[in-house]
PDB file of all heavy atoms in Angstrom:
ATOM      1  N   ASP A   1       0.818  -1.218   0.000  1.00  0.00           N
ATOM      2  CA  ASP A   1       0.000   0.000   0.000  1.00  0.00           C
ATOM      3  C   ASP A   1       0.848   1.264   0.000  1.00  0.00           C
ATOM      4  O   ASP A   1       0.398   2.314  -0.431  1.00  0.00           O
ATOM      5  CB  ASP A   1      -0.935   0.010   1.198  1.00  0.00           C
ATOM      6  CG  ASP A   1      -2.041  -1.030   1.073  1.00  0.00           C
ATOM      7  OD1 ASP A   1      -2.292  -1.496  -0.065  1.00  0.00           O
ATOM      8  OD2 ASP A   1      -2.644  -1.376   2.103  1.00  0.00           O
ATOM      9  N   ALA A   2       2.077   1.170   0.482  1.00  0.00           N
ATOM     10  CA  ALA A   2       2.965   2.331   0.512  1.00  0.00           C
ATOM     11  C   ALA A   2       3.661   2.561  -0.826  1.00  0.00           C
ATOM     12  O   ALA A   2       4.371   3.545  -0.988  1.00  0.00           O
ATOM     13  CB  ALA A   2       4.013   2.149   1.605  1.00  0.00           C
ATOM     14  N   GLY A   3       3.461   1.672  -1.795  1.00  0.00           N
ATOM     15  CA  GLY A   3       4.099   1.797  -3.110  1.00  0.00           C
ATOM     16  C   GLY A   3       3.585   2.983  -3.893  1.00  0.00           C
ATOM     17  O   GLY A   3       2.593   3.624  -3.541  1.00  0.00           O
ATOM     18  N   LYS A   4       4.279   3.290  -4.984  1.00  0.00           N
ATOM     19  CA  LYS A   4       3.951   4.456  -5.802  1.00  0.00           C
ATOM     20  C   LYS A   4       2.695   4.250  -6.648  1.00  0.00           C
ATOM     21  O   LYS A   4       1.892   5.150  -6.806  1.00  0.00           O
ATOM     22  CB  LYS A   4       5.120   4.798  -6.724  1.00  0.00           C
ATOM     23  CG  LYS A   4       6.367   5.226  -6.003  1.00  0.00           C
ATOM     24  CD  LYS A   4       7.480   5.490  -6.992  1.00  0.00           C
ATOM     25  CE  LYS A   4       8.761   5.841  -6.282  1.00  0.00           C
ATOM     26  NZ  LYS A   4       9.870   6.022  -7.209  1.00  0.00           N
ATOM     27  N   GLN A   5       2.565   3.079  -7.224  1.00  0.00           N
ATOM     28  CA  GLN A   5       1.472   2.844  -8.165  1.00  0.00           C
ATOM     29  C   GLN A   5       0.310   2.148  -7.473  1.00  0.00           C
ATOM     30  O   GLN A   5       0.498   1.283  -6.625  1.00  0.00           O
ATOM     31  CB  GLN A   5       1.960   1.986  -9.334  1.00  0.00           C
ATOM     32  CG  GLN A   5       0.961   1.886 -10.453  1.00  0.00           C
ATOM     33  CD  GLN A   5       1.544   1.169 -11.664  1.00  0.00           C
ATOM     34  OE1 GLN A   5       2.679   0.750 -11.651  1.00  0.00           O
ATOM     35  NE2 GLN A   5       0.750   1.039 -12.699  1.00  0.00           N
ATOM     36  N   LYS A   6      -0.906   2.534  -7.845  1.00  0.00           N
ATOM     37  CA  LYS A   6      -2.090   1.904  -7.282  1.00  0.00           C
ATOM     38  C   LYS A   6      -2.187   0.459  -7.751  1.00  0.00           C
ATOM     39  O   LYS A   6      -1.788   0.131  -8.852  1.00  0.00           O
ATOM     40  CB  LYS A   6      -3.351   2.651  -7.685  1.00  0.00           C
ATOM     41  CG  LYS A   6      -3.479   3.976  -7.028  1.00  0.00           C
ATOM     42  CD  LYS A   6      -4.850   4.563  -7.268  1.00  0.00           C
ATOM     43  CE  LYS A   6      -5.007   5.792  -6.428  1.00  0.00           C
ATOM     44  NZ  LYS A   6      -6.362   6.080  -6.104  1.00  0.00           N
ATOM     45  N   HIS A   7      -2.725  -0.369  -6.882  1.00  0.00           N
ATOM     46  CA  HIS A   7      -2.904  -1.772  -7.210  1.00  0.00           C
ATOM     47  C   HIS A   7      -4.249  -2.236  -6.668  1.00  0.00           C
ATOM     48  O   HIS A   7      -4.888  -1.548  -5.878  1.00  0.00           O
ATOM     49  CB  HIS A   7      -1.780  -2.625  -6.614  1.00  0.00           C
ATOM     50  CG  HIS A   7      -1.781  -2.623  -5.121  1.00  0.00           C
ATOM     51  ND1 HIS A   7      -1.204  -1.624  -4.399  1.00  0.00           N
ATOM     52  CD2 HIS A   7      -2.324  -3.476  -4.225  1.00  0.00           C
ATOM     53  CE1 HIS A   7      -1.374  -1.866  -3.119  1.00  0.00           C
ATOM     54  NE2 HIS A   7      -2.057  -2.986  -2.974  1.00  0.00           N
ATOM     55  N   ARG A   8      -4.623  -3.401  -7.093  1.00  0.00           N
ATOM     56  CA  ARG A   8      -5.854  -4.016  -6.599  1.00  0.00           C
ATOM     57  C   ARG A   8      -5.456  -5.288  -5.865  1.00  0.00           C
ATOM     58  O   ARG A   8      -4.626  -6.050  -6.346  1.00  0.00           O
ATOM     59  CB  ARG A   8      -6.765  -4.336  -7.768  1.00  0.00           C
ATOM     60  CG  ARG A   8      -8.061  -4.964  -7.349  1.00  0.00           C
ATOM     61  CD  ARG A   8      -8.946  -5.189  -8.546  1.00  0.00           C
ATOM     62  NE  ARG A   8     -10.172  -5.839  -8.099  1.00  0.00           N
ATOM     63  CZ  ARG A   8     -10.990  -6.486  -8.893  1.00  0.00           C
ATOM     64  NH1 ARG A   8     -10.734  -6.545 -10.178  1.00  0.00           N
ATOM     65  NH2 ARG A   8     -12.062  -7.047  -8.419  1.00  0.00           N
ATOM     66  N   LEU A   9      -6.049  -5.501  -4.713  1.00  0.00           N
ATOM     67  CA  LEU A   9      -5.774  -6.691  -3.928  1.00  0.00           C
ATOM     68  C   LEU A   9      -6.973  -7.617  -3.983  1.00  0.00           C
ATOM     69  O   LEU A   9      -8.087  -7.229  -3.644  1.00  0.00           O
ATOM     70  CB  LEU A   9      -5.464  -6.319  -2.473  1.00  0.00           C
ATOM     71  CG  LEU A   9      -5.264  -7.482  -1.501  1.00  0.00           C
ATOM     72  CD1 LEU A   9      -4.078  -8.331  -1.928  1.00  0.00           C
ATOM     73  CD2 LEU A   9      -5.067  -6.957  -0.097  1.00  0.00           C
ATOM     74  N   VAL A  10      -6.745  -8.844  -4.439  1.00  0.00           N
ATOM     75  CA  VAL A  10      -7.787  -9.864  -4.495  1.00  0.00           C
ATOM     76  C   VAL A  10      -7.330 -11.021  -3.622  1.00  0.00           C
ATOM     77  O   VAL A  10      -6.231 -11.537  -3.796  1.00  0.00           O
ATOM     78  CB  VAL A  10      -8.021 -10.349  -5.947  1.00  0.00           C
ATOM     79  CG1 VAL A  10      -9.048 -11.455  -5.975  1.00  0.00           C
ATOM     80  CG2 VAL A  10      -8.446  -9.196  -6.826  1.00  0.00           C
ATOM     81  N   VAL A  11      -8.180 -11.404  -2.685  1.00  0.00           N
ATOM     82  CA  VAL A  11      -7.852 -12.497  -1.773  1.00  0.00           C
ATOM     83  C   VAL A  11      -8.794 -13.659  -2.062  1.00  0.00           C
ATOM     84  O   VAL A  11     -10.010 -13.501  -2.059  1.00  0.00           O
ATOM     85  CB  VAL A  11      -7.996 -12.064  -0.305  1.00  0.00           C
ATOM     86  CG1 VAL A  11      -7.634 -13.207   0.626  1.00  0.00           C
ATOM     87  CG2 VAL A  11      -7.159 -10.827  -0.023  1.00  0.00           C
ATOM     88  N   TYR A  12      -8.212 -14.823  -2.313  1.00  0.00           N
ATOM     89  CA  TYR A  12      -8.996 -16.033  -2.546  1.00  0.00           C
ATOM     90  C   TYR A  12      -8.319 -17.169  -1.803  1.00  0.00           C
ATOM     91  O   TYR A  12      -7.174 -17.521  -2.106  1.00  0.00           O
ATOM     92  CB  TYR A  12      -9.091 -16.345  -4.038  1.00  0.00           C
ATOM     93  CG  TYR A  12      -9.893 -17.583  -4.342  1.00  0.00           C
ATOM     94  CD1 TYR A  12     -11.272 -17.589  -4.180  1.00  0.00           C
ATOM     95  CD2 TYR A  12      -9.276 -18.746  -4.758  1.00  0.00           C
ATOM     96  CE1 TYR A  12     -12.011 -18.725  -4.441  1.00  0.00           C
ATOM     97  CE2 TYR A  12     -10.003 -19.890  -5.032  1.00  0.00           C
ATOM     98  CZ  TYR A  12     -11.378 -19.870  -4.865  1.00  0.00           C
ATOM     99  OH  TYR A  12     -12.107 -21.004  -5.119  1.00  0.00           O
ATOM    100  N   GLU A  13      -9.020 -17.703  -0.819  1.00  0.00           N
ATOM    101  CA  GLU A  13      -8.492 -18.737   0.058  1.00  0.00           C
ATOM    102  C   GLU A  13      -7.192 -18.243   0.677  1.00  0.00           C
ATOM    103  O   GLU A  13      -7.195 -17.258   1.386  1.00  0.00           O
ATOM    104  CB  GLU A  13      -8.360 -20.067  -0.677  1.00  0.00           C
ATOM    105  CG  GLU A  13      -9.694 -20.643  -1.089  1.00  0.00           C
ATOM    106  CD  GLU A  13      -9.585 -21.962  -1.830  1.00  0.00           C
ATOM    107  OE1 GLU A  13      -8.454 -22.428  -2.097  1.00  0.00           O
ATOM    108  OE2 GLU A  13     -10.647 -22.532  -2.129  1.00  0.00           O
ATOM    109  N   ASN A  14      -6.076 -18.877   0.418  1.00  0.00           N
ATOM    110  CA  ASN A  14      -4.802 -18.463   1.014  1.00  0.00           C
ATOM    111  C   ASN A  14      -3.906 -17.700   0.050  1.00  0.00           C
ATOM    112  O   ASN A  14      -2.727 -17.529   0.318  1.00  0.00           O
ATOM    113  CB  ASN A  14      -4.040 -19.693   1.536  1.00  0.00           C
ATOM    114  CG  ASN A  14      -4.722 -20.326   2.719  1.00  0.00           C
ATOM    115  OD1 ASN A  14      -5.410 -19.647   3.468  1.00  0.00           O
ATOM    116  ND2 ASN A  14      -4.553 -21.622   2.879  1.00  0.00           N
ATOM    117  N   LYS A  15      -4.453 -17.265  -1.065  1.00  0.00           N
ATOM    118  CA  LYS A  15      -3.650 -16.549  -2.060  1.00  0.00           C
ATOM    119  C   LYS A  15      -4.052 -15.084  -2.102  1.00  0.00           C
ATOM    120  O   LYS A  15      -5.222 -14.743  -2.160  1.00  0.00           O
ATOM    121  CB  LYS A  15      -3.813 -17.173  -3.440  1.00  0.00           C
ATOM    122  CG  LYS A  15      -3.200 -18.547  -3.543  1.00  0.00           C
ATOM    123  CD  LYS A  15      -3.119 -18.982  -4.985  1.00  0.00           C
ATOM    124  CE  LYS A  15      -2.626 -20.389  -5.088  1.00  0.00           C
ATOM    125  NZ  LYS A  15      -1.202 -20.496  -5.153  1.00  0.00           N
ATOM    126  N   TYR A  16      -3.049 -14.235  -2.089  1.00  0.00           N
ATOM    127  CA  TYR A  16      -3.234 -12.792  -2.193  1.00  0.00           C
ATOM    128  C   TYR A  16      -2.673 -12.364  -3.539  1.00  0.00           C
ATOM    129  O   TYR A  16      -1.503 -12.602  -3.834  1.00  0.00           O
ATOM    130  CB  TYR A  16      -2.491 -12.066  -1.069  1.00  0.00           C
ATOM    131  CG  TYR A  16      -3.093 -12.295   0.294  1.00  0.00           C
ATOM    132  CD1 TYR A  16      -2.917 -13.497   0.968  1.00  0.00           C
ATOM    133  CD2 TYR A  16      -3.841 -11.297   0.903  1.00  0.00           C
ATOM    134  CE1 TYR A  16      -3.467 -13.709   2.219  1.00  0.00           C
ATOM    135  CE2 TYR A  16      -4.396 -11.500   2.160  1.00  0.00           C
ATOM    136  CZ  TYR A  16      -4.203 -12.697   2.807  1.00  0.00           C
ATOM    137  OH  TYR A  16      -4.757 -12.905   4.044  1.00  0.00           O
ATOM    138  N   ARG A  17      -3.523 -11.731  -4.348  1.00  0.00           N
ATOM    139  CA  ARG A  17      -3.097 -11.264  -5.671  1.00  0.00           C
ATOM    140  C   ARG A  17      -3.011  -9.744  -5.653  1.00  0.00           C
ATOM    141  O   ARG A  17      -4.009  -9.066  -5.483  1.00  0.00           O
ATOM    142  CB  ARG A  17      -4.080 -11.697  -6.750  1.00  0.00           C
ATOM    143  CG  ARG A  17      -4.140 -13.169  -6.960  1.00  0.00           C
ATOM    144  CD  ARG A  17      -5.210 -13.514  -8.000  1.00  0.00           C
ATOM    145  NE  ARG A  17      -5.016 -14.842  -8.520  1.00  0.00           N
ATOM    146  CZ  ARG A  17      -4.259 -15.132  -9.575  1.00  0.00           C
ATOM    147  NH1 ARG A  17      -3.664 -14.180 -10.230  1.00  0.00           N
ATOM    148  NH2 ARG A  17      -4.114 -16.372  -9.959  1.00  0.00           N
ATOM    149  N   PHE A  18      -1.812  -9.228  -5.841  1.00  0.00           N
ATOM    150  CA  PHE A  18      -1.583  -7.791  -5.957  1.00  0.00           C
ATOM    151  C   PHE A  18      -1.506  -7.499  -7.448  1.00  0.00           C
ATOM    152  O   PHE A  18      -0.533  -7.861  -8.111  1.00  0.00           O
ATOM    153  CB  PHE A  18      -0.294  -7.392  -5.248  1.00  0.00           C
ATOM    154  CG  PHE A  18      -0.323  -7.665  -3.770  1.00  0.00           C
ATOM    155  CD1 PHE A  18       0.035  -8.906  -3.263  1.00  0.00           C
ATOM    156  CD2 PHE A  18      -0.733  -6.676  -2.899  1.00  0.00           C
ATOM    157  CE1 PHE A  18       0.005  -9.159  -1.913  1.00  0.00           C
ATOM    158  CE2 PHE A  18      -0.768  -6.917  -1.531  1.00  0.00           C
ATOM    159  CZ  PHE A  18      -0.403  -8.162  -1.038  1.00  0.00           C
ATOM    160  N   ILE A  19      -2.542  -6.856  -7.980  1.00  0.00           N
ATOM    161  CA  ILE A  19      -2.673  -6.669  -9.424  1.00  0.00           C
ATOM    162  C   ILE A  19      -2.338  -5.227  -9.787  1.00  0.00           C
ATOM    163  O   ILE A  19      -2.941  -4.286  -9.264  1.00  0.00           O
ATOM    164  CB  ILE A  19      -4.099  -7.018  -9.895  1.00  0.00           C
ATOM    165  CG1 ILE A  19      -4.450  -8.450  -9.489  1.00  0.00           C
ATOM    166  CG2 ILE A  19      -4.216  -6.839 -11.404  1.00  0.00           C
ATOM    167  CD1 ILE A  19      -5.905  -8.806  -9.721  1.00  0.00           C
ATOM    168  N   TYR A  20      -1.400  -5.068 -10.697  1.00  0.00           N
ATOM    169  CA  TYR A  20      -1.015  -3.758 -11.230  1.00  0.00           C
ATOM    170  C   TYR A  20      -1.465  -3.690 -12.683  1.00  0.00           C
ATOM    171  O   TYR A  20      -1.188  -4.589 -13.466  1.00  0.00           O
ATOM    172  CB  TYR A  20       0.504  -3.561 -11.139  1.00  0.00           C
ATOM    173  CG  TYR A  20       0.984  -3.444  -9.712  1.00  0.00           C
ATOM    174  CD1 TYR A  20       1.347  -4.573  -8.991  1.00  0.00           C
ATOM    175  CD2 TYR A  20       1.058  -2.215  -9.088  1.00  0.00           C
ATOM    176  CE1 TYR A  20       1.772  -4.474  -7.684  1.00  0.00           C
ATOM    177  CE2 TYR A  20       1.484  -2.105  -7.780  1.00  0.00           C
ATOM    178  CZ  TYR A  20       1.837  -3.234  -7.084  1.00  0.00           C
ATOM    179  OH  TYR A  20       2.259  -3.131  -5.783  1.00  0.00           O
ATOM    180  N   TYR A  21      -2.124  -2.604 -13.027  1.00  0.00           N
ATOM    181  CA  TYR A  21      -2.688  -2.463 -14.368  1.00  0.00           C
ATOM    182  C   TYR A  21      -1.784  -1.635 -15.265  1.00  0.00           C
ATOM    183  O   TYR A  21      -1.288  -0.587 -14.872  1.00  0.00           O
ATOM    184  CB  TYR A  21      -4.066  -1.800 -14.305  1.00  0.00           C
ATOM    185  CG  TYR A  21      -5.089  -2.659 -13.619  1.00  0.00           C
ATOM    186  CD1 TYR A  21      -5.412  -2.465 -12.286  1.00  0.00           C
ATOM    187  CD2 TYR A  21      -5.719  -3.684 -14.302  1.00  0.00           C
ATOM    188  CE1 TYR A  21      -6.337  -3.266 -11.649  1.00  0.00           C
ATOM    189  CE2 TYR A  21      -6.649  -4.492 -13.679  1.00  0.00           C
ATOM    190  CZ  TYR A  21      -6.952  -4.273 -12.349  1.00  0.00           C
ATOM    191  OH  TYR A  21      -7.860  -5.082 -11.728  1.00  0.00           O
ATOM    192  N   GLY A  22      -1.604  -2.135 -16.484  1.00  0.00           N
ATOM    193  CA  GLY A  22      -0.905  -1.391 -17.516  1.00  0.00           C
ATOM    194  C   GLY A  22      -1.941  -0.791 -18.457  1.00  0.00           C
ATOM    195  O   GLY A  22      -2.994  -0.332 -18.034  1.00  0.00           O
ATOM    196  N   ALA A  23      -1.643  -0.827 -19.746  1.00  0.00           N
ATOM    197  CA  ALA A  23      -2.600  -0.347 -20.746  1.00  0.00           C
ATOM    198  C   ALA A  23      -3.694  -1.402 -20.906  1.00  0.00           C
ATOM    199  O   ALA A  23      -3.734  -2.390 -20.179  1.00  0.00           O
ATOM    200  CB  ALA A  23      -1.889  -0.084 -22.069  1.00  0.00           C
ATOM    201  N   ILE A  24      -4.541  -1.213 -21.846  1.00  0.00           N
ATOM    202  CA  ILE A  24      -5.687  -2.101 -22.044  1.00  0.00           C
ATOM    203  C   ILE A  24      -5.213  -3.547 -22.241  1.00  0.00           C
ATOM    204  O   ILE A  24      -4.236  -3.809 -22.935  1.00  0.00           O
ATOM    205  CB  ILE A  24      -6.545  -1.603 -23.230  1.00  0.00           C
ATOM    206  CG1 ILE A  24      -7.859  -2.333 -23.291  1.00  0.00           C
ATOM    207  CG2 ILE A  24      -5.796  -1.719 -24.530  1.00  0.00           C
ATOM    208  CD1 ILE A  24      -8.863  -1.678 -24.204  1.00  0.00           C
ATOM    209  N   PHE A  25      -5.863  -4.482 -21.577  1.00  0.00           N
ATOM    210  CA  PHE A  25      -5.584  -5.919 -21.649  1.00  0.00           C
ATOM    211  C   PHE A  25      -4.210  -6.308 -21.104  1.00  0.00           C
ATOM    212  O   PHE A  25      -3.653  -7.328 -21.495  1.00  0.00           O
ATOM    213  CB  PHE A  25      -5.723  -6.459 -23.074  1.00  0.00           C
ATOM    214  CG  PHE A  25      -7.068  -6.226 -23.681  1.00  0.00           C
ATOM    215  CD1 PHE A  25      -7.188  -5.564 -24.885  1.00  0.00           C
ATOM    216  CD2 PHE A  25      -8.220  -6.661 -23.049  1.00  0.00           C
ATOM    217  CE1 PHE A  25      -8.430  -5.348 -25.451  1.00  0.00           C
ATOM    218  CE2 PHE A  25      -9.460  -6.451 -23.610  1.00  0.00           C
ATOM    219  CZ  PHE A  25      -9.566  -5.792 -24.811  1.00  0.00           C
ATOM    220  N   HIS A  26      -3.634  -5.537 -20.195  1.00  0.00           N
ATOM    221  CA  HIS A  26      -2.329  -5.879 -19.628  1.00  0.00           C
ATOM    222  C   HIS A  26      -2.378  -5.709 -18.116  1.00  0.00           C
ATOM    223  O   HIS A  26      -2.725  -4.648 -17.621  1.00  0.00           O
ATOM    224  CB  HIS A  26      -1.236  -4.978 -20.210  1.00  0.00           C
ATOM    225  CG  HIS A  26       0.131  -5.346 -19.725  1.00  0.00           C
ATOM    226  ND1 HIS A  26       0.950  -6.196 -20.402  1.00  0.00           N
ATOM    227  CD2 HIS A  26       0.806  -4.995 -18.611  1.00  0.00           C
ATOM    228  CE1 HIS A  26       2.076  -6.347 -19.747  1.00  0.00           C
ATOM    229  NE2 HIS A  26       2.013  -5.625 -18.642  1.00  0.00           N
ATOM    230  N   THR A  27      -2.026  -6.762 -17.398  1.00  0.00           N
ATOM    231  CA  THR A  27      -1.869  -6.682 -15.947  1.00  0.00           C
ATOM    232  C   THR A  27      -0.617  -7.452 -15.545  1.00  0.00           C
ATOM    233  O   THR A  27      -0.222  -8.408 -16.206  1.00  0.00           O
ATOM    234  CB  THR A  27      -3.072  -7.290 -15.181  1.00  0.00           C
ATOM    235  OG1 THR A  27      -3.210  -8.659 -15.534  1.00  0.00           O
ATOM    236  CG2 THR A  27      -4.348  -6.541 -15.472  1.00  0.00           C
ATOM    237  N   SER A  28      -0.020  -7.003 -14.469  1.00  0.00           N
ATOM    238  CA  SER A  28       1.084  -7.721 -13.848  1.00  0.00           C
ATOM    239  C   SER A  28       0.670  -8.013 -12.419  1.00  0.00           C
ATOM    240  O   SER A  28       0.160  -7.137 -11.732  1.00  0.00           O
ATOM    241  CB  SER A  28       2.352  -6.881 -13.865  1.00  0.00           C
ATOM    242  OG  SER A  28       2.759  -6.646 -15.188  1.00  0.00           O
ATOM    243  N   GLU A  29       0.893  -9.243 -11.997  1.00  0.00           N
ATOM    244  CA  GLU A  29       0.441  -9.655 -10.671  1.00  0.00           C
ATOM    245  C   GLU A  29       1.598 -10.217  -9.864  1.00  0.00           C
ATOM    246  O   GLU A  29       2.467 -10.891 -10.397  1.00  0.00           O
ATOM    247  CB  GLU A  29      -0.624 -10.736 -10.766  1.00  0.00           C
ATOM    248  CG  GLU A  29      -1.831 -10.361 -11.570  1.00  0.00           C
ATOM    249  CD  GLU A  29      -2.823 -11.504 -11.680  1.00  0.00           C
ATOM    250  OE1 GLU A  29      -2.768 -12.429 -10.841  1.00  0.00           O
ATOM    251  OE2 GLU A  29      -3.638 -11.479 -12.599  1.00  0.00           O
ATOM    252  N   CYS A  30       1.542  -9.943  -8.579  1.00  0.00           N
ATOM    253  CA  CYS A  30       2.405 -10.614  -7.621  1.00  0.00           C
ATOM    254  C   CYS A  30       1.466 -11.475  -6.781  1.00  0.00           C
ATOM    255  O   CYS A  30       0.651 -10.955  -6.029  1.00  0.00           O
ATOM    256  CB  CYS A  30       3.160  -9.610  -6.764  1.00  0.00           C
ATOM    257  SG  CYS A  30       4.243 -10.400  -5.559  1.00  0.00           S
ATOM    258  N   VAL A  31       1.556 -12.780  -6.943  1.00  0.00           N
ATOM    259  CA  VAL A  31       0.672 -13.716  -6.254  1.00  0.00           C
ATOM    260  C   VAL A  31       1.425 -14.284  -5.057  1.00  0.00           C
ATOM    261  O   VAL A  31       2.473 -14.915  -5.215  1.00  0.00           O
ATOM    262  CB  VAL A  31       0.206 -14.848  -7.192  1.00  0.00           C
ATOM    263  CG1 VAL A  31      -0.721 -15.795  -6.464  1.00  0.00           C
ATOM    264  CG2 VAL A  31      -0.464 -14.267  -8.423  1.00  0.00           C
ATOM    265  N   VAL A  32       0.873 -14.042  -3.864  1.00  0.00           N
ATOM    266  CA  VAL A  32       1.513 -14.475  -2.624  1.00  0.00           C
ATOM    267  C   VAL A  32       0.674 -15.580  -2.001  1.00  0.00           C
ATOM    268  O   VAL A  32      -0.514 -15.403  -1.768  1.00  0.00           O
ATOM    269  CB  VAL A  32       1.659 -13.291  -1.646  1.00  0.00           C
ATOM    270  CG1 VAL A  32       2.315 -13.747  -0.360  1.00  0.00           C
ATOM    271  CG2 VAL A  32       2.440 -12.159  -2.296  1.00  0.00           C
ATOM    272  N   ASP A  33       1.316 -16.702  -1.732  1.00  0.00           N
ATOM    273  CA  ASP A  33       0.639 -17.840  -1.100  1.00  0.00           C
ATOM    274  C   ASP A  33       0.969 -17.819   0.389  1.00  0.00           C
ATOM    275  O   ASP A  33       2.129 -17.629   0.770  1.00  0.00           O
ATOM    276  CB  ASP A  33       1.117 -19.142  -1.741  1.00  0.00           C
ATOM    277  CG  ASP A  33       0.244 -20.324  -1.377  1.00  0.00           C
ATOM    278  OD1 ASP A  33      -0.850 -20.110  -0.823  1.00  0.00           O
ATOM    279  OD2 ASP A  33       0.664 -21.458  -1.651  1.00  0.00           O
ATOM    280  N   THR A  34      -0.057 -18.012   1.229  1.00  0.00           N
ATOM    281  CA  THR A  34       0.144 -17.937   2.676  1.00  0.00           C
ATOM    282  C   THR A  34      -0.413 -19.178   3.374  1.00  0.00           C
ATOM    283  O   THR A  34      -1.274 -19.872   2.841  1.00  0.00           O
ATOM    284  CB  THR A  34      -0.557 -16.702   3.271  1.00  0.00           C
ATOM    285  OG1 THR A  34      -1.959 -16.810   3.043  1.00  0.00           O
ATOM    286  CG2 THR A  34      -0.036 -15.423   2.664  1.00  0.00           C
TER     287      THR A  34
END
């Protein structure tokens, strides 16, 4: 949350997906398993 670019956090079961959006039809995700 302290990062420069806005992201979306999606939580499903034990996985946290930090989604960063680029241009149309492009996303980069950091998927964290806990």
